[in-house]
Amino acid sequence: MSVWVLSAWLIALVLDGFFLFQAIFRLIMVADLKADYVNPVEFAQKLNVLWLPEVVGVGVNTALSLLFGTWWVFVLHVPCAAYLGFVYSRKQHIINPTRILQGNSVNTQQTSALIRLGFYLVFFFLYLYLVIISAISLATD
């Protein structure tokens, strides 16, 4: 393995760490909205900003796994990329502050944040493993 592979996994690890913090932030914001510590307009403003970096980061991680030939990581990334594409195609990526408290929208946001947290947590440890394996293989070469 080369330095490029190690640097690619380090980039993926850092991006995934950012996504972990983003998922935790989403959960905290949902809890604050449920407890009425934050109003729906602030909630929507803070979470709508996080959409584009997540899409770009998932795209970069997917492209890195495809570029460096780790097909199994690419296959594991496809559901997340497909989900983000599905949400974007149905125009559900923008949170509407006037409708967030109606119906089941808060619970949907909480479920989405929990699923993202689980997904990014699994990938964080996967990327950490890949970084360690790449560093050991680079050191032994």
C-alpha atoms as a PDB file:
ATOM      1  CA  MET A   1       0.000   0.000   0.000  1.00  0.00           C
ATOM      2  CA  SER A   2       1.121   3.505  -0.606  1.00  0.00           C
ATOM      3  CA  VAL A   3       1.040   6.822   1.120  1.00  0.00           C
ATOM      4  CA  TRP A   4      -1.914   7.776  -1.097  1.00  0.00           C
ATOM      5  CA  VAL A   5      -4.060   4.993   0.285  1.00  0.00           C
ATOM      6  CA  LEU A   6      -3.164   5.960   3.840  1.00  0.00           C
ATOM      7  CA  SER A   7      -3.939   9.621   3.166  1.00  0.00           C
ATOM      8  CA  ALA A   8      -7.243   8.689   1.519  1.00  0.00           C
ATOM      9  CA  TRP A   9      -8.310   6.688   4.571  1.00  0.00           C
ATOM     10  CA  LEU A  10      -7.209   9.517   6.846  1.00  0.00           C
ATOM     11  CA  ILE A  11      -9.352  11.961   4.861  1.00  0.00           C
ATOM     12  CA  ALA A  12     -12.281   9.542   5.065  1.00  0.00           C
ATOM     13  CA  LEU A  13     -11.730   9.133   8.819  1.00  0.00           C
ATOM     14  CA  VAL A  14     -11.709  12.888   9.414  1.00  0.00           C
ATOM     15  CA  LEU A  15     -14.821  13.393   7.268  1.00  0.00           C
ATOM     16  CA  ASP A  16     -16.600  10.599   9.079  1.00  0.00           C
ATOM     17  CA  GLY A  17     -15.622  12.104  12.438  1.00  0.00           C
ATOM     18  CA  PHE A  18     -17.235  15.340  11.255  1.00  0.00           C
ATOM     19  CA  PHE A  19     -20.366  13.385  10.313  1.00  0.00           C
ATOM     20  CA  LEU A  20     -20.443  11.791  13.767  1.00  0.00           C
ATOM     21  CA  PHE A  21     -20.419  15.183  15.431  1.00  0.00           C
ATOM     22  CA  GLN A  22     -23.048  16.355  12.977  1.00  0.00           C
ATOM     23  CA  ALA A  23     -25.327  13.403  13.841  1.00  0.00           C
ATOM     24  CA  ILE A  24     -24.868  14.062  17.565  1.00  0.00           C
ATOM     25  CA  PHE A  25     -25.662  17.731  16.959  1.00  0.00           C
ATOM     26  CA  ARG A  26     -28.839  16.704  15.140  1.00  0.00           C
ATOM     27  CA  LEU A  27     -29.896  14.548  18.087  1.00  0.00           C
ATOM     28  CA  ILE A  28     -29.220  17.358  20.550  1.00  0.00           C
ATOM     29  CA  MET A  29     -31.195  19.806  18.425  1.00  0.00           C
ATOM     30  CA  VAL A  30     -34.154  17.398  18.211  1.00  0.00           C
ATOM     31  CA  ALA A  31     -34.081  16.927  21.989  1.00  0.00           C
ATOM     32  CA  ASP A  32     -33.954  20.700  22.459  1.00  0.00           C
ATOM     33  CA  LEU A  33     -36.885  21.153  20.087  1.00  0.00           C
ATOM     34  CA  LYS A  34     -38.917  18.543  21.949  1.00  0.00           C
ATOM     35  CA  ALA A  35     -38.118  20.221  25.273  1.00  0.00           C
ATOM     36  CA  ASP A  36     -38.943  23.630  23.768  1.00  0.00           C
ATOM     37  CA  TYR A  37     -35.456  25.052  24.392  1.00  0.00           C
ATOM     38  CA  VAL A  38     -35.118  26.038  20.743  1.00  0.00           C
ATOM     39  CA  ASN A  39     -37.758  27.398  18.437  1.00  0.00           C
ATOM     40  CA  PRO A  40     -38.528  25.753  15.075  1.00  0.00           C
ATOM     41  CA  VAL A  41     -36.967  28.573  13.046  1.00  0.00           C
ATOM     42  CA  GLU A  42     -33.587  28.204  14.799  1.00  0.00           C
ATOM     43  CA  PHE A  43     -33.857  24.442  14.492  1.00  0.00           C
ATOM     44  CA  ALA A  44     -34.446  24.650  10.748  1.00  0.00           C
ATOM     45  CA  GLN A  45     -31.716  27.254  10.188  1.00  0.00           C
ATOM     46  CA  LYS A  46     -29.085  25.240  12.054  1.00  0.00           C
ATOM     47  CA  LEU A  47     -29.908  21.906  10.452  1.00  0.00           C
ATOM     48  CA  ASN A  48     -30.489  23.094   6.883  1.00  0.00           C
ATOM     49  CA  VAL A  49     -26.904  24.358   6.758  1.00  0.00           C
ATOM     50  CA  LEU A  50     -25.572  20.848   7.466  1.00  0.00           C
ATOM     51  CA  TRP A  51     -27.114  19.244   4.398  1.00  0.00           C
ATOM     52  CA  LEU A  52     -24.610  20.229   1.697  1.00  0.00           C
ATOM     53  CA  PRO A  53     -21.412  19.297   3.624  1.00  0.00           C
ATOM     54  CA  GLU A  54     -22.885  15.883   4.371  1.00  0.00           C
ATOM     55  CA  VAL A  55     -23.743  15.201   0.736  1.00  0.00           C
ATOM     56  CA  VAL A  56     -20.327  16.370  -0.478  1.00  0.00           C
ATOM     57  CA  GLY A  57     -18.520  14.375   2.216  1.00  0.00           C
ATOM     58  CA  VAL A  58     -20.421  11.171   1.518  1.00  0.00           C
ATOM     59  CA  GLY A  59     -19.684  11.669  -2.173  1.00  0.00           C
ATOM     60  CA  VAL A  60     -15.974  12.134  -1.445  1.00  0.00           C
ATOM     61  CA  ASN A  61     -15.866   9.048   0.769  1.00  0.00           C
ATOM     62  CA  THR A  62     -17.698   6.997  -1.846  1.00  0.00           C
ATOM     63  CA  ALA A  63     -15.397   8.235  -4.601  1.00  0.00           C
ATOM     64  CA  LEU A  64     -12.285   7.502  -2.511  1.00  0.00           C
ATOM     65  CA  SER A  65     -13.416   3.952  -1.850  1.00  0.00           C
ATOM     66  CA  LEU A  66     -14.139   3.464  -5.556  1.00  0.00           C
ATOM     67  CA  LEU A  67     -10.889   5.119  -6.619  1.00  0.00           C
ATOM     68  CA  PHE A  68      -8.695   2.962  -4.410  1.00  0.00           C
ATOM     69  CA  GLY A  69     -10.451  -0.271  -5.308  1.00  0.00           C
ATOM     70  CA  THR A  70     -12.037  -1.188  -2.006  1.00  0.00           C
ATOM     71  CA  TRP A  71     -15.262  -2.413  -3.518  1.00  0.00           C
ATOM     72  CA  TRP A  72     -16.732  -3.685  -0.282  1.00  0.00           C
ATOM     73  CA  VAL A  73     -16.455  -0.199   1.285  1.00  0.00           C
ATOM     74  CA  PHE A  74     -18.033   1.251  -1.851  1.00  0.00           C
ATOM     75  CA  VAL A  75     -20.907  -1.230  -1.630  1.00  0.00           C
ATOM     76  CA  LEU A  76     -21.414  -0.297   2.028  1.00  0.00           C
ATOM     77  CA  HIS A  77     -21.535   3.400   1.090  1.00  0.00           C
ATOM     78  CA  VAL A  78     -24.132   2.998  -1.639  1.00  0.00           C
ATOM     79  CA  PRO A  79     -27.139   2.824   0.759  1.00  0.00           C
ATOM     80  CA  CYS A  80     -26.175   6.127   2.399  1.00  0.00           C
ATOM     81  CA  ALA A  81     -25.636   7.840  -0.949  1.00  0.00           C
ATOM     82  CA  ALA A  82     -28.910   6.391  -2.231  1.00  0.00           C
ATOM     83  CA  TYR A  83     -30.751   7.586   0.863  1.00  0.00           C
ATOM     84  CA  LEU A  84     -29.364  11.107   0.511  1.00  0.00           C
ATOM     85  CA  GLY A  85     -30.316  11.102  -3.174  1.00  0.00           C
ATOM     86  CA  PHE A  86     -33.806   9.860  -2.332  1.00  0.00           C
ATOM     87  CA  VAL A  87     -34.294  12.572   0.292  1.00  0.00           C
ATOM     88  CA  TYR A  88     -33.066  15.213  -2.147  1.00  0.00           C
ATOM     89  CA  SER A  89     -35.288  13.985  -4.989  1.00  0.00           C
ATOM     90  CA  ARG A  90     -38.394  14.174  -2.778  1.00  0.00           C
ATOM     91  CA  LYS A  91     -37.408  17.681  -1.579  1.00  0.00           C
ATOM     92  CA  GLN A  92     -37.237  16.503   2.033  1.00  0.00           C
ATOM     93  CA  HIS A  93     -33.718  17.785   2.657  1.00  0.00           C
ATOM     94  CA  ILE A  94     -34.922  21.254   3.643  1.00  0.00           C
ATOM     95  CA  ILE A  95     -36.629  21.429   7.023  1.00  0.00           C
ATOM     96  CA  ASN A  96     -39.688  23.648   6.992  1.00  0.00           C
ATOM     97  CA  PRO A  97     -39.970  25.481  10.338  1.00  0.00           C
ATOM     98  CA  THR A  98     -43.725  25.990   9.967  1.00  0.00           C
ATOM     99  CA  ARG A  99     -44.403  22.269   9.677  1.00  0.00           C
ATOM    100  CA  ILE A 100     -41.775  20.756  11.949  1.00  0.00           C
ATOM    101  CA  LEU A 101     -44.087  20.474  14.955  1.00  0.00           C
ATOM    102  CA  GLN A 102     -47.038  19.134  12.970  1.00  0.00           C
ATOM    103  CA  GLY A 103     -47.602  15.423  12.796  1.00  0.00           C
ATOM    104  CA  ASN A 104     -44.699  13.055  13.089  1.00  0.00           C
ATOM    105  CA  SER A 105     -41.941  15.283  11.724  1.00  0.00           C
ATOM    106  CA  VAL A 106     -39.931  15.592  14.940  1.00  0.00           C
ATOM    107  CA  ASN A 107     -39.913  11.822  15.423  1.00  0.00           C
ATOM    108  CA  THR A 108     -38.852  11.396  11.797  1.00  0.00           C
ATOM    109  CA  GLN A 109     -35.951  13.795  12.355  1.00  0.00           C
ATOM    110  CA  GLN A 110     -34.945  11.909  15.499  1.00  0.00           C
ATOM    111  CA  THR A 111     -35.083   8.528  13.751  1.00  0.00           C
ATOM    112  CA  SER A 112     -33.061   9.891  10.845  1.00  0.00           C
ATOM    113  CA  ALA A 113     -30.443  11.290  13.215  1.00  0.00           C
ATOM    114  CA  LEU A 114     -30.177   7.980  15.095  1.00  0.00           C
ATOM    115  CA  ILE A 115     -29.773   5.990  11.889  1.00  0.00           C
ATOM    116  CA  ARG A 116     -27.111   8.413  10.664  1.00  0.00           C
ATOM    117  CA  LEU A 117     -25.325   8.198  14.002  1.00  0.00           C
ATOM    118  CA  GLY A 118     -25.231   4.402  13.806  1.00  0.00           C
ATOM    119  CA  PHE A 119     -24.111   4.394  10.199  1.00  0.00           C
ATOM    120  CA  TYR A 120     -21.335   6.925  10.735  1.00  0.00           C
ATOM    121  CA  LEU A 121     -20.201   5.232  13.941  1.00  0.00           C
ATOM    122  CA  VAL A 122     -19.746   1.924  12.132  1.00  0.00           C
ATOM    123  CA  PHE A 123     -17.856   3.647   9.338  1.00  0.00           C
ATOM    124  CA  PHE A 124     -15.691   5.581  11.796  1.00  0.00           C
ATOM    125  CA  PHE A 125     -14.366   2.345  13.267  1.00  0.00           C
ATOM    126  CA  LEU A 126     -14.047   0.816   9.797  1.00  0.00           C
ATOM    127  CA  TYR A 127     -11.957   3.762   8.605  1.00  0.00           C
ATOM    128  CA  LEU A 128      -9.913   3.668  11.802  1.00  0.00           C
ATOM    129  CA  TYR A 129      -9.175  -0.014  11.109  1.00  0.00           C
ATOM    130  CA  LEU A 130      -8.246   0.762   7.496  1.00  0.00           C
ATOM    131  CA  VAL A 131      -5.920   3.584   8.603  1.00  0.00           C
ATOM    132  CA  ILE A 132      -4.165   1.282  11.078  1.00  0.00           C
ATOM    133  CA  ILE A 133      -3.823  -1.527   8.537  1.00  0.00           C
ATOM    134  CA  SER A 134      -2.531   0.906   5.891  1.00  0.00           C
ATOM    135  CA  ALA A 135      -0.018   2.433   8.311  1.00  0.00           C
ATOM    136  CA  ILE A 136       1.264  -0.990   9.384  1.00  0.00           C
ATOM    137  CA  SER A 137       1.558  -2.163   5.798  1.00  0.00           C
ATOM    138  CA  LEU A 138       3.348   1.068   4.840  1.00  0.00           C
ATOM    139  CA  ALA A 139       5.744   0.713   7.777  1.00  0.00           C
ATOM    140  CA  THR A 140       6.607  -2.897   6.919  1.00  0.00           C
ATOM    141  CA  ASP A 141       7.302  -2.138   3.244  1.00  0.00           C
END
